[in-house]
PDB file of N, CA and C in Angstrom:
ATOM      1  N   UNK A   1      22.373 -24.715  16.891  1.00  0.00           N
ATOM      2  CA  UNK A   1      21.292 -24.604  15.936  1.00  0.00           C
ATOM      3  C   UNK A   1      21.814 -24.950  14.549  1.00  0.00           C
ATOM      4  N   UNK A   2      21.142 -25.834  13.884  1.00  0.00           N
ATOM      5  CA  UNK A   2      21.604 -26.297  12.581  1.00  0.00           C
ATOM      6  C   UNK A   2      20.809 -25.680  11.445  1.00  0.00           C
ATOM      7  N   UNK A   3      20.078 -24.623  11.719  1.00  0.00           N
ATOM      8  CA  UNK A   3      19.182 -24.039  10.720  1.00  0.00           C
ATOM      9  C   UNK A   3      19.725 -22.774  10.077  1.00  0.00           C
ATOM     10  N   UNK A   4      20.973 -22.503  10.228  1.00  0.00           N
ATOM     11  CA  UNK A   4      21.515 -21.272   9.679  1.00  0.00           C
ATOM     12  C   UNK A   4      21.725 -20.234  10.758  1.00  0.00           C
ATOM     13  N   UNK A   5      21.343 -20.533  11.965  1.00  0.00           N
ATOM     14  CA  UNK A   5      21.649 -19.694  13.111  1.00  0.00           C
ATOM     15  C   UNK A   5      21.019 -18.327  13.122  1.00  0.00           C
ATOM     16  N   UNK A   6      21.611 -17.380  12.415  1.00  0.00           N
ATOM     17  CA  UNK A   6      21.165 -15.987  12.515  1.00  0.00           C
ATOM     18  C   UNK A   6      19.749 -15.786  11.989  1.00  0.00           C
ATOM     19  N   UNK A   7      19.357 -16.479  10.936  1.00  0.00           N
ATOM     20  CA  UNK A   7      17.998 -16.352  10.422  1.00  0.00           C
ATOM     21  C   UNK A   7      16.996 -16.814  11.468  1.00  0.00           C
ATOM     22  N   UNK A   8      17.278 -17.925  12.123  1.00  0.00           N
ATOM     23  CA  UNK A   8      16.381 -18.426  13.160  1.00  0.00           C
ATOM     24  C   UNK A   8      16.280 -17.418  14.299  1.00  0.00           C
ATOM     25  N   UNK A   9      17.397 -16.872  14.747  1.00  0.00           N
ATOM     26  CA  UNK A   9      17.371 -15.890  15.833  1.00  0.00           C
ATOM     27  C   UNK A   9      16.608 -14.642  15.410  1.00  0.00           C
ATOM     28  N   UNK A  10      16.757 -14.210  14.171  1.00  0.00           N
ATOM     29  CA  UNK A  10      16.044 -13.036  13.676  1.00  0.00           C
ATOM     30  C   UNK A  10      14.542 -13.287  13.677  1.00  0.00           C
ATOM     31  N   UNK A  11      14.119 -14.478  13.250  1.00  0.00           N
ATOM     32  CA  UNK A  11      12.700 -14.803  13.248  1.00  0.00           C
ATOM     33  C   UNK A  11      12.143 -14.848  14.659  1.00  0.00           C
ATOM     34  N   UNK A  12      12.958 -15.249  15.606  1.00  0.00           N
ATOM     35  CA  UNK A  12      12.503 -15.280  16.990  1.00  0.00           C
ATOM     36  C   UNK A  12      12.191 -13.873  17.465  1.00  0.00           C
ATOM     37  N   UNK A  13      12.992 -12.915  17.056  1.00  0.00           N
ATOM     38  CA  UNK A  13      12.782 -11.525  17.452  1.00  0.00           C
ATOM     39  C   UNK A  13      11.705 -10.874  16.596  1.00  0.00           C
ATOM     40  N   UNK A  14      11.768 -11.078  15.308  1.00  0.00           N
ATOM     41  CA  UNK A  14      10.856 -10.440  14.367  1.00  0.00           C
ATOM     42  C   UNK A  14      10.520 -11.436  13.257  1.00  0.00           C
ATOM     43  N   UNK A  15       9.300 -11.975  13.232  1.00  0.00           N
ATOM     44  CA  UNK A  15       8.954 -12.959  12.197  1.00  0.00           C
ATOM     45  C   UNK A  15       9.210 -12.406  10.795  1.00  0.00           C
ATOM     46  N   UNK A  16       9.544 -13.280   9.859  1.00  0.00           N
ATOM     47  CA  UNK A  16       9.870 -12.844   8.501  1.00  0.00           C
ATOM     48  C   UNK A  16       8.743 -12.062   7.844  1.00  0.00           C
ATOM     49  N   UNK A  17       7.494 -12.421   8.102  1.00  0.00           N
ATOM     50  CA  UNK A  17       6.399 -11.671   7.486  1.00  0.00           C
ATOM     51  C   UNK A  17       6.388 -10.237   7.983  1.00  0.00           C
ATOM     52  N   UNK A  18       6.604 -10.038   9.264  1.00  0.00           N
ATOM     53  CA  UNK A  18       6.648  -8.685   9.817  1.00  0.00           C
ATOM     54  C   UNK A  18       7.860  -7.939   9.283  1.00  0.00           C
ATOM     55  N   UNK A  19       9.000  -8.605   9.215  1.00  0.00           N
ATOM     56  CA  UNK A  19      10.209  -7.981   8.684  1.00  0.00           C
ATOM     57  C   UNK A  19       9.991  -7.567   7.234  1.00  0.00           C
ATOM     58  N   UNK A  20       9.386  -8.442   6.446  1.00  0.00           N
ATOM     59  CA  UNK A  20       9.102  -8.115   5.051  1.00  0.00           C
ATOM     60  C   UNK A  20       8.174  -6.930   4.922  1.00  0.00           C
ATOM     61  N   UNK A  21       7.159  -6.858   5.784  1.00  0.00           N
ATOM     62  CA  UNK A  21       6.237  -5.724   5.754  1.00  0.00           C
ATOM     63  C   UNK A  21       6.970  -4.448   6.136  1.00  0.00           C
ATOM     64  N   UNK A  22       7.811  -4.525   7.163  1.00  0.00           N
ATOM     65  CA  UNK A  22       8.552  -3.350   7.616  1.00  0.00           C
ATOM     66  C   UNK A  22       9.474  -2.840   6.510  1.00  0.00           C
ATOM     67  N   UNK A  23      10.070  -3.756   5.783  1.00  0.00           N
ATOM     68  CA  UNK A  23      10.946  -3.370   4.681  1.00  0.00           C
ATOM     69  C   UNK A  23      10.171  -3.028   3.417  1.00  0.00           C
ATOM     70  N   UNK A  24       8.868  -3.299   3.417  1.00  0.00           N
ATOM     71  CA  UNK A  24       8.043  -3.009   2.257  1.00  0.00           C
ATOM     72  C   UNK A  24       8.149  -4.046   1.155  1.00  0.00           C
ATOM     73  N   UNK A  25       8.705  -5.210   1.467  1.00  0.00           N
ATOM     74  CA  UNK A  25       8.929  -6.211   0.431  1.00  0.00           C
ATOM     75  C   UNK A  25       7.650  -6.843  -0.075  1.00  0.00           C
ATOM     76  N   UNK A  26       6.716  -7.115   0.817  1.00  0.00           N
ATOM     77  CA  UNK A  26       5.512  -7.811   0.384  1.00  0.00           C
ATOM     78  C   UNK A  26       4.438  -6.863  -0.110  1.00  0.00           C
ATOM     79  N   UNK A  27       4.654  -5.584  -0.033  1.00  0.00           N
ATOM     80  CA  UNK A  27       3.624  -4.623  -0.375  1.00  0.00           C
ATOM     81  C   UNK A  27       4.019  -3.731  -1.552  1.00  0.00           C
ATOM     82  N   UNK A  28       5.144  -3.998  -2.165  1.00  0.00           N
ATOM     83  CA  UNK A  28       5.635  -3.106  -3.212  1.00  0.00           C
ATOM     84  C   UNK A  28       5.402  -3.735  -4.589  1.00  0.00           C
ATOM     85  N   UNK A  29       4.795  -2.980  -5.460  1.00  0.00           N
ATOM     86  CA  UNK A  29       4.491  -3.456  -6.803  1.00  0.00           C
ATOM     87  C   UNK A  29       4.960  -2.409  -7.803  1.00  0.00           C
ATOM     88  N   UNK A  30       5.505  -2.839  -8.916  1.00  0.00           N
ATOM     89  CA  UNK A  30       5.965  -1.892  -9.930  1.00  0.00           C
ATOM     90  C   UNK A  30       4.802  -1.129 -10.555  1.00  0.00           C
ATOM     91  N   UNK A  31       3.790  -1.816 -10.965  1.00  0.00           N
ATOM     92  CA  UNK A  31       2.645  -1.172 -11.586  1.00  0.00           C
ATOM     93  C   UNK A  31       1.426  -2.040 -11.330  1.00  0.00           C
ATOM     94  N   UNK A  32       0.358  -1.411 -10.920  1.00  0.00           N
ATOM     95  CA  UNK A  32      -0.829  -2.170 -10.552  1.00  0.00           C
ATOM     96  C   UNK A  32      -2.047  -1.348 -10.935  1.00  0.00           C
ATOM     97  N   UNK A  33      -3.057  -2.000 -11.478  1.00  0.00           N
ATOM     98  CA  UNK A  33      -4.280  -1.282 -11.817  1.00  0.00           C
ATOM     99  C   UNK A  33      -5.460  -2.222 -11.663  1.00  0.00           C
ATOM    100  N   UNK A  34      -6.651  -1.654 -11.645  1.00  0.00           N
ATOM    101  CA  UNK A  34      -7.848  -2.454 -11.493  1.00  0.00           C
ATOM    102  C   UNK A  34      -8.466  -2.298 -10.122  1.00  0.00           C
ATOM    103  N   UNK A  35      -9.283  -3.279  -9.750  1.00  0.00           N
ATOM    104  CA  UNK A  35     -10.003  -3.239  -8.480  1.00  0.00           C
ATOM    105  C   UNK A  35      -9.180  -3.911  -7.390  1.00  0.00           C
ATOM    106  N   UNK A  36      -9.183  -3.306  -6.199  1.00  0.00           N
ATOM    107  CA  UNK A  36      -8.395  -3.818  -5.080  1.00  0.00           C
ATOM    108  C   UNK A  36      -9.169  -3.694  -3.784  1.00  0.00           C
ATOM    109  N   UNK A  37      -8.783  -4.507  -2.823  1.00  0.00           N
ATOM    110  CA  UNK A  37      -9.325  -4.433  -1.474  1.00  0.00           C
ATOM    111  C   UNK A  37      -8.164  -4.452  -0.498  1.00  0.00           C
ATOM    112  N   UNK A  38      -8.268  -3.655   0.551  1.00  0.00           N
ATOM    113  CA  UNK A  38      -7.284  -3.661   1.627  1.00  0.00           C
ATOM    114  C   UNK A  38      -8.022  -3.739   2.949  1.00  0.00           C
ATOM    115  N   UNK A  39      -7.487  -4.529   3.860  1.00  0.00           N
ATOM    116  CA  UNK A  39      -8.021  -4.553   5.212  1.00  0.00           C
ATOM    117  C   UNK A  39      -7.536  -3.318   5.956  1.00  0.00           C
ATOM    118  N   UNK A  40      -8.235  -2.957   6.996  1.00  0.00           N
ATOM    119  CA  UNK A  40      -7.881  -1.790   7.795  1.00  0.00           C
ATOM    120  C   UNK A  40      -6.407  -1.821   8.193  1.00  0.00           C
ATOM    121  N   UNK A  41      -5.732  -0.702   8.025  1.00  0.00           N
ATOM    122  CA  UNK A  41      -4.320  -0.483   8.362  1.00  0.00           C
ATOM    123  C   UNK A  41      -3.334  -1.217   7.465  1.00  0.00           C
ATOM    124  N   UNK A  42      -3.801  -1.765   6.351  1.00  0.00           N
ATOM    125  CA  UNK A  42      -2.895  -2.390   5.385  1.00  0.00           C
ATOM    126  C   UNK A  42      -2.354  -1.324   4.440  1.00  0.00           C
ATOM    127  N   UNK A  43      -1.140  -1.555   3.948  1.00  0.00           N
ATOM    128  CA  UNK A  43      -0.472  -0.608   3.051  1.00  0.00           C
ATOM    129  C   UNK A  43      -0.272  -1.212   1.672  1.00  0.00           C
ATOM    130  N   UNK A  44      -0.224  -0.331   0.682  1.00  0.00           N
ATOM    131  CA  UNK A  44       0.087  -0.736  -0.684  1.00  0.00           C
ATOM    132  C   UNK A  44       0.919   0.372  -1.314  1.00  0.00           C
ATOM    133  N   UNK A  45       2.104   0.020  -1.829  1.00  0.00           N
ATOM    134  CA  UNK A  45       2.939   0.952  -2.593  1.00  0.00           C
ATOM    135  C   UNK A  45       2.681   0.692  -4.067  1.00  0.00           C
ATOM    136  N   UNK A  46       2.362   1.736  -4.823  1.00  0.00           N
ATOM    137  CA  UNK A  46       2.077   1.560  -6.245  1.00  0.00           C
ATOM    138  C   UNK A  46       2.776   2.632  -7.076  1.00  0.00           C
ATOM    139  N   UNK A  47       3.126   2.268  -8.299  1.00  0.00           N
ATOM    140  CA  UNK A  47       3.673   3.231  -9.251  1.00  0.00           C
ATOM    141  C   UNK A  47       2.845   3.166 -10.522  1.00  0.00           C
ATOM    142  N   UNK A  48       2.964   4.177 -11.340  1.00  0.00           N
ATOM    143  CA  UNK A  48       2.233   4.197 -12.600  1.00  0.00           C
ATOM    144  C   UNK A  48       0.762   4.509 -12.433  1.00  0.00           C
ATOM    145  N   UNK A  49       0.425   5.259 -11.402  1.00  0.00           N
ATOM    146  CA  UNK A  49      -0.974   5.563 -11.082  1.00  0.00           C
ATOM    147  C   UNK A  49      -1.347   6.943 -11.596  1.00  0.00           C
ATOM    148  N   UNK A  50      -2.537   7.074 -12.193  1.00  0.00           N
ATOM    149  CA  UNK A  50      -3.029   8.395 -12.580  1.00  0.00           C
ATOM    150  C   UNK A  50      -4.347   8.736 -11.888  1.00  0.00           C
ATOM    151  N   UNK A  51      -5.030   7.700 -11.346  1.00  0.00           N
ATOM    152  CA  UNK A  51      -6.332   7.954 -10.718  1.00  0.00           C
ATOM    153  C   UNK A  51      -6.626   6.882  -9.678  1.00  0.00           C
ATOM    154  N   UNK A  52      -7.188   7.306  -8.526  1.00  0.00           N
ATOM    155  CA  UNK A  52      -7.649   6.373  -7.496  1.00  0.00           C
ATOM    156  C   UNK A  52      -9.093   6.726  -7.173  1.00  0.00           C
ATOM    157  N   UNK A  53      -9.958   5.719  -7.188  1.00  0.00           N
ATOM    158  CA  UNK A  53     -11.374   5.900  -6.851  1.00  0.00           C
ATOM    159  C   UNK A  53     -11.701   4.988  -5.675  1.00  0.00           C
ATOM    160  N   UNK A  54     -12.160   5.570  -4.572  1.00  0.00           N
ATOM    161  CA  UNK A  54     -12.533   4.799  -3.386  1.00  0.00           C
ATOM    162  C   UNK A  54     -13.979   4.337  -3.533  1.00  0.00           C
ATOM    163  N   UNK A  55     -14.189   3.042  -3.521  1.00  0.00           N
ATOM    164  CA  UNK A  55     -15.526   2.468  -3.673  1.00  0.00           C
ATOM    165  C   UNK A  55     -16.188   2.287  -2.309  1.00  0.00           C
ATOM    166  N   UNK A  56     -15.416   1.797  -1.326  1.00  0.00           N
ATOM    167  CA  UNK A  56     -15.934   1.531   0.016  1.00  0.00           C
ATOM    168  C   UNK A  56     -14.837   1.795   1.030  1.00  0.00           C
ATOM    169  N   UNK A  57     -15.204   2.321   2.193  1.00  0.00           N
ATOM    170  CA  UNK A  57     -14.236   2.570   3.249  1.00  0.00           C
ATOM    171  C   UNK A  57     -13.576   3.927   3.090  1.00  0.00           C
ATOM    172  N   UNK A  58     -12.344   4.029   3.587  1.00  0.00           N
ATOM    173  CA  UNK A  58     -11.585   5.272   3.444  1.00  0.00           C
ATOM    174  C   UNK A  58     -10.104   4.946   3.301  1.00  0.00           C
ATOM    175  N   UNK A  59      -9.425   5.748   2.486  1.00  0.00           N
ATOM    176  CA  UNK A  59      -8.021   5.537   2.159  1.00  0.00           C
ATOM    177  C   UNK A  59      -7.206   6.776   2.487  1.00  0.00           C
ATOM    178  N   UNK A  60      -6.021   6.572   3.034  1.00  0.00           N
ATOM    179  CA  UNK A  60      -5.056   7.648   3.223  1.00  0.00           C
ATOM    180  C   UNK A  60      -4.005   7.459   2.136  1.00  0.00           C
ATOM    181  N   UNK A  61      -3.726   8.525   1.387  1.00  0.00           N
ATOM    182  CA  UNK A  61      -2.792   8.446   0.264  1.00  0.00           C
ATOM    183  C   UNK A  61      -1.746   9.542   0.401  1.00  0.00           C
ATOM    184  N   UNK A  62      -0.504   9.180   0.160  1.00  0.00           N
ATOM    185  CA  UNK A  62       0.567  10.167   0.096  1.00  0.00           C
ATOM    186  C   UNK A  62       1.445   9.821  -1.100  1.00  0.00           C
ATOM    187  N   UNK A  63       2.118  10.823  -1.630  1.00  0.00           N
ATOM    188  CA  UNK A  63       2.988  10.602  -2.777  1.00  0.00           C
ATOM    189  C   UNK A  63       2.607  11.514  -3.918  1.00  0.00           C
ATOM    190  N   UNK A  64       2.917  11.091  -5.120  1.00  0.00           N
ATOM    191  CA  UNK A  64       2.686  11.942  -6.276  1.00  0.00           C
ATOM    192  C   UNK A  64       3.697  13.071  -6.266  1.00  0.00           C
ATOM    193  N   UNK A  65       3.301  14.216  -6.755  1.00  0.00           N
ATOM    194  CA  UNK A  65       4.223  15.356  -6.782  1.00  0.00           C
ATOM    195  C   UNK A  65       3.893  16.363  -5.690  1.00  0.00           C
ATOM    196  N   UNK A  66       3.168  15.926  -4.675  1.00  0.00           N
ATOM    197  CA  UNK A  66       2.760  16.833  -3.615  1.00  0.00           C
ATOM    198  C   UNK A  66       3.125  16.266  -2.249  1.00  0.00           C
ATOM    199  N   UNK A  67       3.326  17.142  -1.303  1.00  0.00           N
ATOM    200  CA  UNK A  67       3.647  16.717   0.057  1.00  0.00           C
ATOM    201  C   UNK A  67       2.396  16.544   0.906  1.00  0.00           C
ATOM    202  N   UNK A  68       1.236  16.868   0.337  1.00  0.00           N
ATOM    203  CA  UNK A  68       0.006  16.776   1.125  1.00  0.00           C
ATOM    204  C   UNK A  68      -0.462  15.335   1.282  1.00  0.00           C
ATOM    205  N   UNK A  69      -1.107  15.076   2.411  1.00  0.00           N
ATOM    206  CA  UNK A  69      -1.756  13.791   2.631  1.00  0.00           C
ATOM    207  C   UNK A  69      -3.190  13.913   2.151  1.00  0.00           C
ATOM    208  N   UNK A  70      -3.694  12.859   1.550  1.00  0.00           N
ATOM    209  CA  UNK A  70      -5.034  12.875   0.967  1.00  0.00           C
ATOM    210  C   UNK A  70      -5.846  11.760   1.606  1.00  0.00           C
ATOM    211  N   UNK A  71      -7.082  12.064   1.976  1.00  0.00           N
ATOM    212  CA  UNK A  71      -7.999  11.041   2.471  1.00  0.00           C
ATOM    213  C   UNK A  71      -9.162  10.949   1.493  1.00  0.00           C
ATOM    214  N   UNK A  72      -9.374   9.752   0.973  1.00  0.00           N
ATOM    215  CA  UNK A  72     -10.509   9.501   0.089  1.00  0.00           C
ATOM    216  C   UNK A  72     -11.537   8.667   0.842  1.00  0.00           C
ATOM    217  N   UNK A  73     -12.791   9.052   0.731  1.00  0.00           N
ATOM    218  CA  UNK A  73     -13.883   8.273   1.301  1.00  0.00           C
ATOM    219  C   UNK A  73     -14.699   7.682   0.158  1.00  0.00           C
ATOM    220  N   UNK A  74     -15.628   6.809   0.488  1.00  0.00           N
ATOM    221  CA  UNK A  74     -16.419   6.113  -0.531  1.00  0.00           C
ATOM    222  C   UNK A  74     -17.048   7.090  -1.513  1.00  0.00           C
ATOM    223  N   UNK A  75     -16.877   6.810  -2.803  1.00  0.00           N
ATOM    224  CA  UNK A  75     -17.455   7.628  -3.856  1.00  0.00           C
ATOM    225  C   UNK A  75     -16.569   8.756  -4.347  1.00  0.00           C
ATOM    226  N   UNK A  76     -15.411   8.950  -3.719  1.00  0.00           N
ATOM    227  CA  UNK A  76     -14.522  10.060  -4.081  1.00  0.00           C
ATOM    228  C   UNK A  76     -13.390   9.550  -4.973  1.00  0.00           C
ATOM    229  N   UNK A  77     -13.052  10.350  -5.992  1.00  0.00           N
ATOM    230  CA  UNK A  77     -11.978  10.036  -6.933  1.00  0.00           C
ATOM    231  C   UNK A  77     -10.933  11.135  -6.875  1.00  0.00           C
ATOM    232  N   UNK A  78      -9.666  10.753  -7.012  1.00  0.00           N
ATOM    233  CA  UNK A  78      -8.587  11.740  -7.053  1.00  0.00           C
ATOM    234  C   UNK A  78      -7.682  11.408  -8.230  1.00  0.00           C
ATOM    235  N   UNK A  79      -7.359  12.420  -9.022  1.00  0.00           N
ATOM    236  CA  UNK A  79      -6.429  12.271 -10.138  1.00  0.00           C
ATOM    237  C   UNK A  79      -5.035  12.677  -9.697  1.00  0.00           C
ATOM    238  N   UNK A  80      -4.030  12.022 -10.259  1.00  0.00           N
ATOM    239  CA  UNK A  80      -2.633  12.292  -9.948  1.00  0.00           C
ATOM    240  C   UNK A  80      -1.874  12.467 -11.254  1.00  0.00           C
ATOM    241  N   UNK A  81      -0.721  13.156 -11.210  1.00  0.00           N
ATOM    242  CA  UNK A  81       0.102  13.247 -12.418  1.00  0.00           C
ATOM    243  C   UNK A  81       0.425  11.828 -12.905  1.00  0.00           C
ATOM    244  N   UNK A  82       0.436  11.631 -14.216  1.00  0.00           N
ATOM    245  CA  UNK A  82       0.665  10.278 -14.734  1.00  0.00           C
ATOM    246  C   UNK A  82       1.974   9.705 -14.200  1.00  0.00           C
ATOM    247  N   UNK A  83       1.963   8.417 -14.003  1.00  0.00           N
ATOM    248  CA  UNK A  83       3.111   7.671 -13.481  1.00  0.00           C
ATOM    249  C   UNK A  83       3.509   8.076 -12.066  1.00  0.00           C
ATOM    250  N   UNK A  84       2.541   8.470 -11.255  1.00  0.00           N
ATOM    251  CA  UNK A  84       2.826   8.810  -9.860  1.00  0.00           C
ATOM    252  C   UNK A  84       3.136   7.558  -9.052  1.00  0.00           C
ATOM    253  N   UNK A  85       3.957   7.739  -8.030  1.00  0.00           N
ATOM    254  CA  UNK A  85       4.223   6.685  -7.053  1.00  0.00           C
ATOM    255  C   UNK A  85       3.488   7.077  -5.786  1.00  0.00           C
ATOM    256  N   UNK A  86       2.640   6.169  -5.288  1.00  0.00           N
ATOM    257  CA  UNK A  86       1.798   6.460  -4.136  1.00  0.00           C
ATOM    258  C   UNK A  86       1.935   5.386  -3.070  1.00  0.00           C
ATOM    259  N   UNK A  87       1.687   5.794  -1.838  1.00  0.00           N
ATOM    260  CA  UNK A  87       1.511   4.862  -0.731  1.00  0.00           C
ATOM    261  C   UNK A  87       0.058   5.001  -0.306  1.00  0.00           C
ATOM    262  N   UNK A  88      -0.665   3.891  -0.323  1.00  0.00           N
ATOM    263  CA  UNK A  88      -2.081   3.888   0.029  1.00  0.00           C
ATOM    264  C   UNK A  88      -2.252   3.054   1.290  1.00  0.00           C
ATOM    265  N   UNK A  89      -2.911   3.633   2.288  1.00  0.00           N
ATOM    266  CA  UNK A  89      -3.225   2.902   3.519  1.00  0.00           C
ATOM    267  C   UNK A  89      -4.733   2.906   3.707  1.00  0.00           C
ATOM    268  N   UNK A  90      -5.291   1.745   4.016  1.00  0.00           N
ATOM    269  CA  UNK A  90      -6.721   1.649   4.308  1.00  0.00           C
ATOM    270  C   UNK A  90      -6.947   2.083   5.754  1.00  0.00           C
ATOM    271  N   UNK A  91      -7.755   3.114   5.950  1.00  0.00           N
ATOM    272  CA  UNK A  91      -8.082   3.550   7.305  1.00  0.00           C
ATOM    273  C   UNK A  91      -9.119   2.622   7.926  1.00  0.00           C
ATOM    274  N   UNK A  92      -9.922   1.981   7.089  1.00  0.00           N
ATOM    275  CA  UNK A  92     -10.774   0.864   7.482  1.00  0.00           C
ATOM    276  C   UNK A  92     -10.845  -0.077   6.281  1.00  0.00           C
ATOM    277  N   UNK A  93     -11.519  -1.200   6.419  1.00  0.00           N
ATOM    278  CA  UNK A  93     -11.614  -2.128   5.288  1.00  0.00           C
ATOM    279  C   UNK A  93     -12.134  -1.364   4.071  1.00  0.00           C
ATOM    280  N   UNK A  94     -11.399  -1.436   2.968  1.00  0.00           N
ATOM    281  CA  UNK A  94     -11.705  -0.584   1.815  1.00  0.00           C
ATOM    282  C   UNK A  94     -11.599  -1.328   0.493  1.00  0.00           C
ATOM    283  N   UNK A  95     -12.417  -0.897  -0.456  1.00  0.00           N
ATOM    284  CA  UNK A  95     -12.337  -1.331  -1.848  1.00  0.00           C
ATOM    285  C   UNK A  95     -12.065  -0.087  -2.685  1.00  0.00           C
ATOM    286  N   UNK A  96     -11.213  -0.216  -3.698  1.00  0.00           N
ATOM    287  CA  UNK A  96     -10.878   0.941  -4.523  1.00  0.00           C
ATOM    288  C   UNK A  96     -10.416   0.483  -5.892  1.00  0.00           C
ATOM    289  N   UNK A  97     -10.377   1.433  -6.822  1.00  0.00           N
ATOM    290  CA  UNK A  97      -9.936   1.169  -8.189  1.00  0.00           C
ATOM    291  C   UNK A  97      -8.760   2.077  -8.516  1.00  0.00           C
ATOM    292  N   UNK A  98      -7.774   1.506  -9.190  1.00  0.00           N
ATOM    293  CA  UNK A  98      -6.592   2.253  -9.620  1.00  0.00           C
ATOM    294  C   UNK A  98      -6.567   2.259 -11.141  1.00  0.00           C
ATOM    295  N   UNK A  99      -6.296   3.419 -11.720  1.00  0.00           N
ATOM    296  CA  UNK A  99      -6.204   3.569 -13.168  1.00  0.00           C
ATOM    297  C   UNK A  99      -4.825   4.099 -13.521  1.00  0.00           C
ATOM    298  N   UNK A 100      -4.271   3.577 -14.599  1.00  0.00           N
ATOM    299  CA  UNK A 100      -2.980   4.073 -15.107  1.00  0.00           C
ATOM    300  C   UNK A 100      -3.197   5.227 -16.027  1.00  0.00           C
TER     301      UNK A 100
END
């Protein structure tokens, strides 16, 4: 194999997009705000968050200064300590707003 060998073999086992998702590379952002959409079961890592408002669908959120898991449904808003780091997963196709 003239393509670098190990990278090609790794892609055969686990495509780079999947590997990047598993490592959190394609889903990690330093700071993000505004309106967002996630497809069902998609993840988003965010920092610098103080408020999340679910517009459509439902979101599972963990992080901040608490160990509790939070589920937001359409029309529900949750405030977090300023500059919180959160992991947001769409339980179904969802639209939401993030405020710093």
